[in-house]
Amino acid sequence: MDKKNSVFIATSLDGFIADKNGGIDWLHSIPNPDNDDMGYAEFNNGIDALVMGRTTFETVVGFDVPWPYSKPVFVLSNKLKEMPESHKDKAFLVNGTLTEILEQIHGKGYGRLYIDGGTTIRNFLTEDLIDEMVLTTIPVLLGGGSSLFGELPNELKFELTETKTFLNQISQRHYKRKR
């Protein structure tokens, strides 16, 4: 089984993934009349399942849209005891160390994972469990909020493999972990 942990996320110029109030409206600050998905569908085709934290899960559930994922979603939480009834067949609760969680998910036959949510991404980086990152930068300075990156025990080297520009404003960089 091919195993890979990937990040696909947008940040502000100053590295935030949500503003000071937890808002993400700024993600749509550049007009996108043709609804360019900036590579998301292609990225999504290359993954088997998603791994996200409870906060990200609750944020997505709170959007007034149908469930946006066609792949299984594994939610990391020590607080949640069970999934809401509405999502029992779509999302699955997992807990334990990240290594144990990955073993559980790999054991179900899912190897190529989309790691989503600030805390979850930071925890995976802390344990050097991210293999690639696709970072899309929206040209706005938020001046504070939820940071994508935090303290790390060791330096992690990544290699830039591709850069794209969308809507003449938004840059997207694809990095692979150098091991």
N, C-alpha and C. Protein backbone atom coordinates (compact mmCIF):
# COMPACT_ATOMS: atom_id res chain seq x y z
N MET A 1 0.85 -1.19 0.00
CA MET A 1 0.00 0.00 0.00
C MET A 1 0.89 1.25 0.00
N ASP A 2 0.56 2.16 -0.88
CA ASP A 2 1.26 3.44 -0.96
C ASP A 2 0.84 4.29 0.24
N LYS A 3 1.82 4.73 1.03
CA LYS A 3 1.51 5.55 2.21
C LYS A 3 2.11 6.94 2.05
N LYS A 4 1.28 7.96 2.26
CA LYS A 4 1.75 9.33 2.15
C LYS A 4 0.80 10.22 2.94
N ASN A 5 1.36 11.14 3.71
CA ASN A 5 0.56 12.11 4.46
C ASN A 5 0.76 13.48 3.82
N SER A 6 -0.35 14.06 3.32
CA SER A 6 -0.28 15.30 2.56
C SER A 6 -1.12 16.40 3.19
N VAL A 7 -0.64 17.62 3.02
CA VAL A 7 -1.36 18.81 3.48
C VAL A 7 -1.73 19.61 2.24
N PHE A 8 -2.97 20.13 2.20
CA PHE A 8 -3.42 21.04 1.14
C PHE A 8 -4.19 22.12 1.88
N ILE A 9 -3.57 23.30 2.00
CA ILE A 9 -4.20 24.33 2.84
C ILE A 9 -3.83 25.72 2.35
N ALA A 10 -4.70 26.67 2.65
CA ALA A 10 -4.43 28.07 2.30
C ALA A 10 -4.05 28.85 3.55
N THR A 11 -3.14 29.80 3.35
CA THR A 11 -2.73 30.68 4.45
C THR A 11 -2.76 32.13 3.97
N SER A 12 -2.77 33.03 4.94
CA SER A 12 -2.58 34.45 4.64
C SER A 12 -1.09 34.67 4.38
N LEU A 13 -0.73 35.86 3.92
CA LEU A 13 0.69 36.18 3.72
C LEU A 13 1.49 36.00 5.00
N ASP A 14 0.86 36.28 6.14
CA ASP A 14 1.57 36.17 7.41
C ASP A 14 1.38 34.80 8.08
N GLY A 15 0.94 33.82 7.31
CA GLY A 15 0.98 32.43 7.78
C GLY A 15 -0.19 31.96 8.63
N PHE A 16 -1.31 32.67 8.58
CA PHE A 16 -2.47 32.27 9.38
C PHE A 16 -3.48 31.50 8.53
N ILE A 17 -4.19 30.57 9.18
CA ILE A 17 -5.21 29.78 8.47
C ILE A 17 -6.62 30.19 8.89
N ALA A 18 -6.71 31.03 9.91
CA ALA A 18 -7.99 31.63 10.34
C ALA A 18 -7.66 32.97 10.97
N ASP A 19 -8.62 33.90 10.91
CA ASP A 19 -8.36 35.22 11.49
C ASP A 19 -8.51 35.20 13.02
N LYS A 20 -8.41 36.37 13.64
CA LYS A 20 -8.44 36.46 15.11
C LYS A 20 -9.74 35.95 15.71
N ASN A 21 -10.82 35.94 14.91
CA ASN A 21 -12.11 35.45 15.40
C ASN A 21 -12.40 34.04 14.90
N GLY A 22 -11.40 33.38 14.33
CA GLY A 22 -11.59 32.03 13.79
C GLY A 22 -12.22 32.03 12.42
N GLY A 23 -12.40 33.22 11.83
CA GLY A 23 -13.06 33.34 10.54
C GLY A 23 -12.16 33.00 9.37
N ILE A 24 -12.80 32.58 8.27
CA ILE A 24 -12.04 32.25 7.05
C ILE A 24 -12.61 32.95 5.82
N ASP A 25 -13.42 33.99 6.02
CA ASP A 25 -14.00 34.73 4.88
C ASP A 25 -12.91 35.31 3.98
N TRP A 26 -11.77 35.67 4.55
CA TRP A 26 -10.67 36.26 3.80
C TRP A 26 -10.16 35.32 2.69
N LEU A 27 -10.47 34.01 2.80
CA LEU A 27 -10.06 33.06 1.76
C LEU A 27 -10.68 33.43 0.42
N HIS A 28 -11.80 34.15 0.46
CA HIS A 28 -12.52 34.50 -0.76
C HIS A 28 -12.34 35.98 -1.11
N SER A 29 -11.24 36.59 -0.63
CA SER A 29 -11.03 38.01 -0.85
C SER A 29 -10.61 38.33 -2.29
N ILE A 30 -10.13 37.34 -3.03
CA ILE A 30 -9.78 37.54 -4.44
C ILE A 30 -10.95 37.01 -5.28
N PRO A 31 -11.54 37.84 -6.12
CA PRO A 31 -12.66 37.37 -6.94
C PRO A 31 -12.27 36.13 -7.76
N ASN A 32 -13.17 35.16 -7.78
CA ASN A 32 -12.92 33.89 -8.48
C ASN A 32 -14.17 33.55 -9.30
N PRO A 33 -14.42 34.35 -10.36
CA PRO A 33 -15.69 34.21 -11.10
C PRO A 33 -15.91 32.82 -11.69
N ASP A 34 -14.84 32.12 -12.06
CA ASP A 34 -15.00 30.79 -12.67
C ASP A 34 -14.91 29.67 -11.65
N ASN A 35 -14.87 30.03 -10.36
CA ASN A 35 -14.76 29.03 -9.29
C ASN A 35 -13.62 28.05 -9.52
N ASP A 36 -12.45 28.59 -9.85
CA ASP A 36 -11.25 27.76 -10.02
C ASP A 36 -10.96 27.08 -8.69
N ASP A 37 -10.83 25.75 -8.69
CA ASP A 37 -10.59 25.03 -7.43
C ASP A 37 -9.11 24.97 -7.08
N MET A 38 -8.27 25.58 -7.90
CA MET A 38 -6.83 25.71 -7.63
C MET A 38 -6.17 24.37 -7.33
N GLY A 39 -6.58 23.34 -8.05
CA GLY A 39 -5.94 22.04 -7.92
C GLY A 39 -6.52 21.12 -6.88
N TYR A 40 -7.58 21.56 -6.19
CA TYR A 40 -8.13 20.74 -5.11
C TYR A 40 -8.69 19.40 -5.61
N ALA A 41 -9.44 19.43 -6.72
CA ALA A 41 -10.04 18.18 -7.22
C ALA A 41 -8.95 17.18 -7.61
N GLU A 42 -7.91 17.68 -8.27
CA GLU A 42 -6.79 16.82 -8.65
C GLU A 42 -6.11 16.25 -7.40
N PHE A 43 -5.88 17.09 -6.40
CA PHE A 43 -5.28 16.65 -5.14
C PHE A 43 -6.17 15.59 -4.49
N ASN A 44 -7.47 15.87 -4.44
CA ASN A 44 -8.43 14.98 -3.80
C ASN A 44 -8.47 13.61 -4.48
N ASN A 45 -8.28 13.59 -5.80
CA ASN A 45 -8.26 12.32 -6.52
C ASN A 45 -7.08 11.44 -6.11
N GLY A 46 -6.04 12.06 -5.55
CA GLY A 46 -4.84 11.32 -5.17
C GLY A 46 -4.82 10.88 -3.72
N ILE A 47 -5.92 11.06 -3.00
CA ILE A 47 -5.95 10.64 -1.59
C ILE A 47 -7.00 9.57 -1.37
N ASP A 48 -6.82 8.81 -0.28
CA ASP A 48 -7.75 7.73 0.08
C ASP A 48 -8.71 8.16 1.19
N ALA A 49 -8.25 9.04 2.08
CA ALA A 49 -9.06 9.43 3.24
C ALA A 49 -8.50 10.73 3.81
N LEU A 50 -9.29 11.37 4.69
CA LEU A 50 -8.87 12.59 5.36
C LEU A 50 -8.69 12.33 6.84
N VAL A 51 -7.76 13.07 7.44
CA VAL A 51 -7.57 13.04 8.89
C VAL A 51 -7.64 14.49 9.34
N MET A 52 -8.56 14.79 10.25
CA MET A 52 -8.69 16.16 10.73
C MET A 52 -9.00 16.16 12.22
N GLY A 53 -8.76 17.29 12.83
CA GLY A 53 -9.07 17.44 14.24
C GLY A 53 -10.54 17.77 14.45
N ARG A 54 -10.96 17.70 15.69
CA ARG A 54 -12.35 17.95 16.05
C ARG A 54 -12.79 19.36 15.67
N THR A 55 -11.95 20.36 15.90
CA THR A 55 -12.32 21.74 15.61
C THR A 55 -12.60 21.92 14.12
N THR A 56 -11.74 21.36 13.28
CA THR A 56 -11.94 21.46 11.83
C THR A 56 -13.22 20.73 11.44
N PHE A 57 -13.43 19.55 12.00
CA PHE A 57 -14.64 18.78 11.72
C PHE A 57 -15.88 19.60 12.09
N GLU A 58 -15.88 20.18 13.30
CA GLU A 58 -17.05 20.96 13.75
C GLU A 58 -17.26 22.19 12.89
N THR A 59 -16.15 22.79 12.40
CA THR A 59 -16.26 23.95 11.51
C THR A 59 -16.94 23.54 10.20
N VAL A 60 -16.50 22.41 9.62
CA VAL A 60 -17.07 21.94 8.35
C VAL A 60 -18.54 21.56 8.54
N VAL A 61 -18.86 20.88 9.63
CA VAL A 61 -20.25 20.49 9.91
C VAL A 61 -21.12 21.75 10.04
N GLY A 62 -20.53 22.84 10.55
CA GLY A 62 -21.26 24.09 10.76
C GLY A 62 -21.54 24.88 9.48
N PHE A 63 -20.81 24.57 8.39
CA PHE A 63 -21.07 25.26 7.12
C PHE A 63 -22.46 24.87 6.64
N ASP A 64 -23.16 25.82 6.03
CA ASP A 64 -24.50 25.53 5.55
C ASP A 64 -24.44 24.94 4.14
N VAL A 65 -23.71 23.82 4.03
CA VAL A 65 -23.54 23.14 2.74
C VAL A 65 -23.63 21.64 2.97
N PRO A 66 -23.93 20.87 1.92
CA PRO A 66 -23.88 19.41 2.09
C PRO A 66 -22.46 18.96 2.45
N TRP A 67 -22.33 17.80 3.06
CA TRP A 67 -21.02 17.25 3.44
C TRP A 67 -20.11 17.27 2.22
N PRO A 68 -18.96 17.95 2.29
CA PRO A 68 -18.17 18.17 1.08
C PRO A 68 -17.20 17.03 0.70
N TYR A 69 -17.15 15.97 1.49
CA TYR A 69 -16.15 14.94 1.24
C TYR A 69 -16.76 13.65 0.71
N SER A 70 -16.12 13.09 -0.31
CA SER A 70 -16.57 11.81 -0.85
C SER A 70 -15.75 10.66 -0.25
N LYS A 71 -14.64 11.00 0.41
CA LYS A 71 -13.76 9.99 1.00
C LYS A 71 -14.04 9.90 2.50
N PRO A 72 -13.64 8.79 3.13
CA PRO A 72 -13.82 8.69 4.58
C PRO A 72 -13.02 9.77 5.31
N VAL A 73 -13.60 10.28 6.39
CA VAL A 73 -12.96 11.30 7.21
C VAL A 73 -12.72 10.71 8.60
N PHE A 74 -11.47 10.75 9.05
CA PHE A 74 -11.12 10.29 10.40
C PHE A 74 -10.89 11.51 11.26
N VAL A 75 -11.63 11.60 12.36
CA VAL A 75 -11.59 12.77 13.23
C VAL A 75 -10.84 12.43 14.52
N LEU A 76 -9.77 13.19 14.78
CA LEU A 76 -8.97 12.99 15.99
C LEU A 76 -9.63 13.75 17.13
N SER A 77 -9.98 13.05 18.18
CA SER A 77 -10.56 13.75 19.33
C SER A 77 -10.51 12.88 20.57
N ASN A 78 -10.14 13.51 21.66
CA ASN A 78 -10.25 12.85 22.96
C ASN A 78 -11.52 13.31 23.65
N LYS A 79 -12.12 14.43 23.17
CA LYS A 79 -13.32 14.99 23.80
C LYS A 79 -14.60 14.34 23.28
N LEU A 80 -14.68 14.20 21.94
CA LEU A 80 -15.88 13.62 21.35
C LEU A 80 -15.96 12.14 21.71
N LYS A 81 -17.13 11.70 22.13
CA LYS A 81 -17.31 10.28 22.46
C LYS A 81 -17.89 9.52 21.28
N GLU A 82 -18.69 10.20 20.47
CA GLU A 82 -19.21 9.55 19.26
C GLU A 82 -19.53 10.61 18.22
N MET A 83 -19.63 10.16 16.98
CA MET A 83 -19.94 11.05 15.87
C MET A 83 -21.41 11.45 15.95
N PRO A 84 -21.75 12.67 15.49
CA PRO A 84 -23.17 13.01 15.38
C PRO A 84 -23.86 12.00 14.45
N GLU A 85 -25.09 11.68 14.74
CA GLU A 85 -25.86 10.70 13.95
C GLU A 85 -25.80 11.03 12.46
N SER A 86 -25.86 12.33 12.14
CA SER A 86 -25.88 12.78 10.74
C SER A 86 -24.62 12.41 9.96
N HIS A 87 -23.53 12.10 10.68
CA HIS A 87 -22.25 11.87 10.00
C HIS A 87 -21.65 10.49 10.30
N LYS A 88 -22.43 9.60 10.91
CA LYS A 88 -21.89 8.30 11.34
C LYS A 88 -21.31 7.46 10.21
N ASP A 89 -21.88 7.58 9.01
CA ASP A 89 -21.37 6.78 7.89
C ASP A 89 -20.31 7.53 7.09
N LYS A 90 -20.03 8.79 7.46
CA LYS A 90 -19.10 9.63 6.69
C LYS A 90 -17.82 9.92 7.45
N ALA A 91 -17.92 10.00 8.77
CA ALA A 91 -16.76 10.37 9.59
C ALA A 91 -16.61 9.39 10.74
N PHE A 92 -15.36 9.13 11.10
CA PHE A 92 -15.06 8.10 12.09
C PHE A 92 -14.11 8.66 13.13
N LEU A 93 -14.42 8.42 14.39
CA LEU A 93 -13.64 8.91 15.50
C LEU A 93 -12.40 8.04 15.69
N VAL A 94 -11.23 8.66 15.83
CA VAL A 94 -10.00 7.93 16.14
C VAL A 94 -9.26 8.68 17.25
N ASN A 95 -8.61 7.90 18.13
CA ASN A 95 -7.75 8.54 19.12
C ASN A 95 -6.59 7.63 19.47
N GLY A 96 -5.64 8.19 20.22
CA GLY A 96 -4.40 7.50 20.51
C GLY A 96 -3.25 8.36 20.04
N THR A 97 -2.05 7.79 20.02
CA THR A 97 -0.90 8.53 19.48
C THR A 97 -1.06 8.59 17.97
N LEU A 98 -0.35 9.51 17.33
CA LEU A 98 -0.46 9.61 15.88
C LEU A 98 -0.02 8.30 15.21
N THR A 99 1.00 7.67 15.75
CA THR A 99 1.46 6.39 15.19
C THR A 99 0.36 5.34 15.28
N GLU A 100 -0.32 5.27 16.43
CA GLU A 100 -1.42 4.31 16.61
C GLU A 100 -2.57 4.63 15.66
N ILE A 101 -2.87 5.91 15.53
CA ILE A 101 -3.95 6.34 14.65
C ILE A 101 -3.64 5.97 13.20
N LEU A 102 -2.41 6.22 12.78
CA LEU A 102 -2.02 5.87 11.41
C LEU A 102 -2.10 4.36 11.20
N GLU A 103 -1.70 3.58 12.19
CA GLU A 103 -1.81 2.12 12.08
C GLU A 103 -3.27 1.70 11.90
N GLN A 104 -4.18 2.32 12.68
CA GLN A 104 -5.61 2.00 12.56
C GLN A 104 -6.12 2.32 11.15
N ILE A 105 -5.77 3.50 10.64
CA ILE A 105 -6.26 3.94 9.33
C ILE A 105 -5.63 3.09 8.22
N HIS A 106 -4.33 2.85 8.31
CA HIS A 106 -3.66 2.00 7.30
C HIS A 106 -4.25 0.60 7.34
N GLY A 107 -4.61 0.12 8.54
CA GLY A 107 -5.21 -1.20 8.69
C GLY A 107 -6.55 -1.34 7.98
N LYS A 108 -7.21 -0.19 7.76
CA LYS A 108 -8.49 -0.20 7.03
C LYS A 108 -8.26 -0.06 5.52
N GLY A 109 -6.99 0.00 5.11
CA GLY A 109 -6.66 0.05 3.69
C GLY A 109 -6.50 1.44 3.11
N TYR A 110 -6.40 2.47 3.97
CA TYR A 110 -6.23 3.84 3.48
C TYR A 110 -4.78 4.27 3.72
N GLY A 111 -4.03 4.52 2.65
CA GLY A 111 -2.62 4.87 2.79
C GLY A 111 -2.29 6.31 2.49
N ARG A 112 -2.98 6.87 1.49
CA ARG A 112 -2.68 8.24 1.07
C ARG A 112 -3.65 9.18 1.78
N LEU A 113 -3.13 9.91 2.78
CA LEU A 113 -4.00 10.67 3.68
C LEU A 113 -3.83 12.17 3.52
N TYR A 114 -4.97 12.87 3.56
CA TYR A 114 -5.04 14.32 3.54
C TYR A 114 -5.14 14.75 5.00
N ILE A 115 -4.10 15.42 5.50
CA ILE A 115 -4.06 15.87 6.89
C ILE A 115 -4.55 17.31 6.91
N ASP A 116 -5.63 17.58 7.68
CA ASP A 116 -6.24 18.90 7.64
C ASP A 116 -6.51 19.43 9.05
N GLY A 117 -6.41 20.76 9.17
CA GLY A 117 -6.66 21.44 10.45
C GLY A 117 -5.35 21.84 11.09
N GLY A 118 -5.30 23.06 11.59
CA GLY A 118 -4.06 23.62 12.12
C GLY A 118 -3.38 22.78 13.18
N THR A 119 -4.11 22.42 14.23
CA THR A 119 -3.51 21.66 15.33
C THR A 119 -3.04 20.29 14.84
N THR A 120 -3.87 19.64 14.02
CA THR A 120 -3.52 18.32 13.50
C THR A 120 -2.27 18.39 12.64
N ILE A 121 -2.20 19.38 11.74
CA ILE A 121 -1.01 19.54 10.89
C ILE A 121 0.22 19.79 11.76
N ARG A 122 0.10 20.69 12.75
CA ARG A 122 1.25 20.97 13.63
C ARG A 122 1.70 19.72 14.38
N ASN A 123 0.74 18.91 14.86
CA ASN A 123 1.09 17.68 15.57
C ASN A 123 1.79 16.68 14.66
N PHE A 124 1.32 16.55 13.42
CA PHE A 124 1.97 15.65 12.46
C PHE A 124 3.38 16.14 12.13
N LEU A 125 3.54 17.47 11.99
CA LEU A 125 4.87 18.02 11.71
C LEU A 125 5.81 17.80 12.90
N THR A 126 5.30 17.97 14.11
CA THR A 126 6.11 17.77 15.30
C THR A 126 6.71 16.37 15.32
N GLU A 127 5.92 15.39 14.83
CA GLU A 127 6.41 14.01 14.81
C GLU A 127 6.99 13.62 13.44
N ASP A 128 7.24 14.63 12.59
CA ASP A 128 7.82 14.43 11.26
C ASP A 128 7.04 13.39 10.46
N LEU A 129 5.72 13.57 10.39
CA LEU A 129 4.85 12.63 9.69
C LEU A 129 4.19 13.23 8.45
N ILE A 130 4.68 14.40 7.99
CA ILE A 130 4.14 15.01 6.77
C ILE A 130 5.12 14.77 5.63
N ASP A 131 4.60 14.22 4.53
CA ASP A 131 5.44 13.90 3.37
C ASP A 131 5.41 14.98 2.29
N GLU A 132 4.29 15.69 2.19
CA GLU A 132 4.21 16.77 1.20
C GLU A 132 3.20 17.81 1.67
N MET A 133 3.42 19.05 1.21
CA MET A 133 2.52 20.15 1.55
C MET A 133 2.25 20.96 0.29
N VAL A 134 0.97 21.25 0.05
CA VAL A 134 0.57 22.17 -0.99
C VAL A 134 0.02 23.39 -0.26
N LEU A 135 0.78 24.49 -0.30
CA LEU A 135 0.42 25.69 0.45
C LEU A 135 0.00 26.78 -0.53
N THR A 136 -1.23 27.26 -0.37
CA THR A 136 -1.78 28.29 -1.22
C THR A 136 -1.83 29.58 -0.40
N THR A 137 -1.22 30.64 -0.92
CA THR A 137 -1.12 31.90 -0.17
C THR A 137 -2.06 32.95 -0.76
N ILE A 138 -2.97 33.43 0.10
CA ILE A 138 -3.90 34.49 -0.26
C ILE A 138 -3.23 35.82 0.13
N PRO A 139 -3.17 36.81 -0.78
CA PRO A 139 -2.43 38.04 -0.48
C PRO A 139 -3.17 38.99 0.46
N VAL A 140 -3.23 38.57 1.72
CA VAL A 140 -3.83 39.40 2.76
C VAL A 140 -3.02 39.19 4.04
N LEU A 141 -2.80 40.27 4.79
CA LEU A 141 -2.15 40.18 6.09
C LEU A 141 -3.25 40.23 7.15
N LEU A 142 -3.36 39.17 7.94
CA LEU A 142 -4.42 39.11 8.96
C LEU A 142 -3.96 39.72 10.28
N GLY A 143 -2.65 39.76 10.52
CA GLY A 143 -2.13 40.37 11.74
C GLY A 143 -2.36 39.56 13.00
N GLY A 144 -2.79 38.33 12.84
CA GLY A 144 -3.03 37.47 14.00
C GLY A 144 -4.08 36.44 13.65
N GLY A 145 -4.23 35.45 14.53
CA GLY A 145 -5.21 34.40 14.29
C GLY A 145 -4.61 33.05 14.58
N SER A 146 -5.07 32.03 13.85
CA SER A 146 -4.55 30.67 14.03
C SER A 146 -3.41 30.46 13.05
N SER A 147 -2.23 30.24 13.59
CA SER A 147 -1.04 30.06 12.77
C SER A 147 -0.98 28.64 12.22
N LEU A 148 -0.52 28.49 10.98
CA LEU A 148 -0.35 27.15 10.42
C LEU A 148 0.80 26.44 11.13
N PHE A 149 1.90 27.13 11.31
CA PHE A 149 3.08 26.48 11.87
C PHE A 149 3.34 26.93 13.31
N GLY A 150 4.01 26.08 14.07
CA GLY A 150 4.37 26.41 15.44
C GLY A 150 5.78 25.90 15.73
N GLU A 151 6.07 25.79 17.01
CA GLU A 151 7.38 25.28 17.44
C GLU A 151 7.57 23.85 16.97
N LEU A 152 8.78 23.52 16.58
CA LEU A 152 9.12 22.15 16.19
C LEU A 152 10.35 21.71 16.97
N PRO A 153 10.42 20.43 17.33
CA PRO A 153 11.59 19.95 18.06
C PRO A 153 12.84 19.91 17.17
N ASN A 154 12.65 19.74 15.86
CA ASN A 154 13.78 19.67 14.94
C ASN A 154 13.43 20.40 13.66
N GLU A 155 14.47 20.84 12.97
CA GLU A 155 14.30 21.46 11.66
C GLU A 155 13.84 20.39 10.68
N LEU A 156 12.87 20.73 9.82
CA LEU A 156 12.41 19.80 8.79
C LEU A 156 12.68 20.45 7.44
N LYS A 157 13.41 19.77 6.59
CA LYS A 157 13.72 20.31 5.27
C LYS A 157 12.72 19.80 4.24
N PHE A 158 12.23 20.73 3.42
CA PHE A 158 11.32 20.41 2.33
C PHE A 158 11.93 20.91 1.04
N GLU A 159 11.54 20.30 -0.05
CA GLU A 159 12.02 20.69 -1.37
C GLU A 159 10.84 21.22 -2.17
N LEU A 160 11.01 22.41 -2.78
CA LEU A 160 9.97 22.99 -3.62
C LEU A 160 9.95 22.22 -4.94
N THR A 161 8.79 21.64 -5.29
CA THR A 161 8.71 20.86 -6.52
C THR A 161 7.88 21.56 -7.60
N GLU A 162 7.04 22.50 -7.20
CA GLU A 162 6.20 23.18 -8.19
C GLU A 162 5.63 24.47 -7.61
N THR A 163 5.49 25.48 -8.46
CA THR A 163 4.84 26.74 -8.07
C THR A 163 3.83 27.09 -9.15
N LYS A 164 2.64 27.49 -8.71
CA LYS A 164 1.59 27.91 -9.66
C LYS A 164 1.02 29.24 -9.17
N THR A 165 0.44 29.98 -10.10
CA THR A 165 -0.26 31.22 -9.76
C THR A 165 -1.69 31.10 -10.25
N PHE A 166 -2.64 31.49 -9.41
CA PHE A 166 -4.05 31.46 -9.77
C PHE A 166 -4.62 32.88 -9.69
N LEU A 167 -5.49 33.21 -10.63
CA LEU A 167 -6.20 34.50 -10.62
C LEU A 167 -5.23 35.69 -10.58
N ASN A 168 -4.01 35.48 -11.05
CA ASN A 168 -2.94 36.50 -11.06
C ASN A 168 -2.63 37.07 -9.67
N GLN A 169 -3.07 36.41 -8.62
CA GLN A 169 -2.92 36.96 -7.27
C GLN A 169 -2.47 35.92 -6.24
N ILE A 170 -2.88 34.69 -6.45
CA ILE A 170 -2.73 33.65 -5.44
C ILE A 170 -1.60 32.72 -5.84
N SER A 171 -0.64 32.53 -4.94
CA SER A 171 0.46 31.62 -5.26
C SER A 171 0.27 30.30 -4.53
N GLN A 172 0.66 29.24 -5.22
CA GLN A 172 0.56 27.91 -4.62
C GLN A 172 1.89 27.21 -4.82
N ARG A 173 2.43 26.70 -3.69
CA ARG A 173 3.72 26.03 -3.73
C ARG A 173 3.55 24.59 -3.24
N HIS A 174 4.17 23.67 -3.97
CA HIS A 174 4.11 22.24 -3.63
C HIS A 174 5.49 21.83 -3.11
N TYR A 175 5.52 21.37 -1.87
CA TYR A 175 6.77 20.96 -1.23
C TYR A 175 6.74 19.47 -0.91
N LYS A 176 7.88 18.81 -1.07
CA LYS A 176 8.03 17.42 -0.65
C LYS A 176 9.08 17.36 0.44
N ARG A 177 8.85 16.52 1.42
CA ARG A 177 9.78 16.35 2.55
C ARG A 177 11.06 15.73 2.03
N LYS A 178 12.20 16.33 2.38
CA LYS A 178 13.51 15.76 2.03
C LYS A 178 13.94 14.87 3.18
N ARG A 179 14.12 13.58 2.90
CA ARG A 179 14.49 12.64 3.95
C ARG A 179 15.86 12.07 3.68
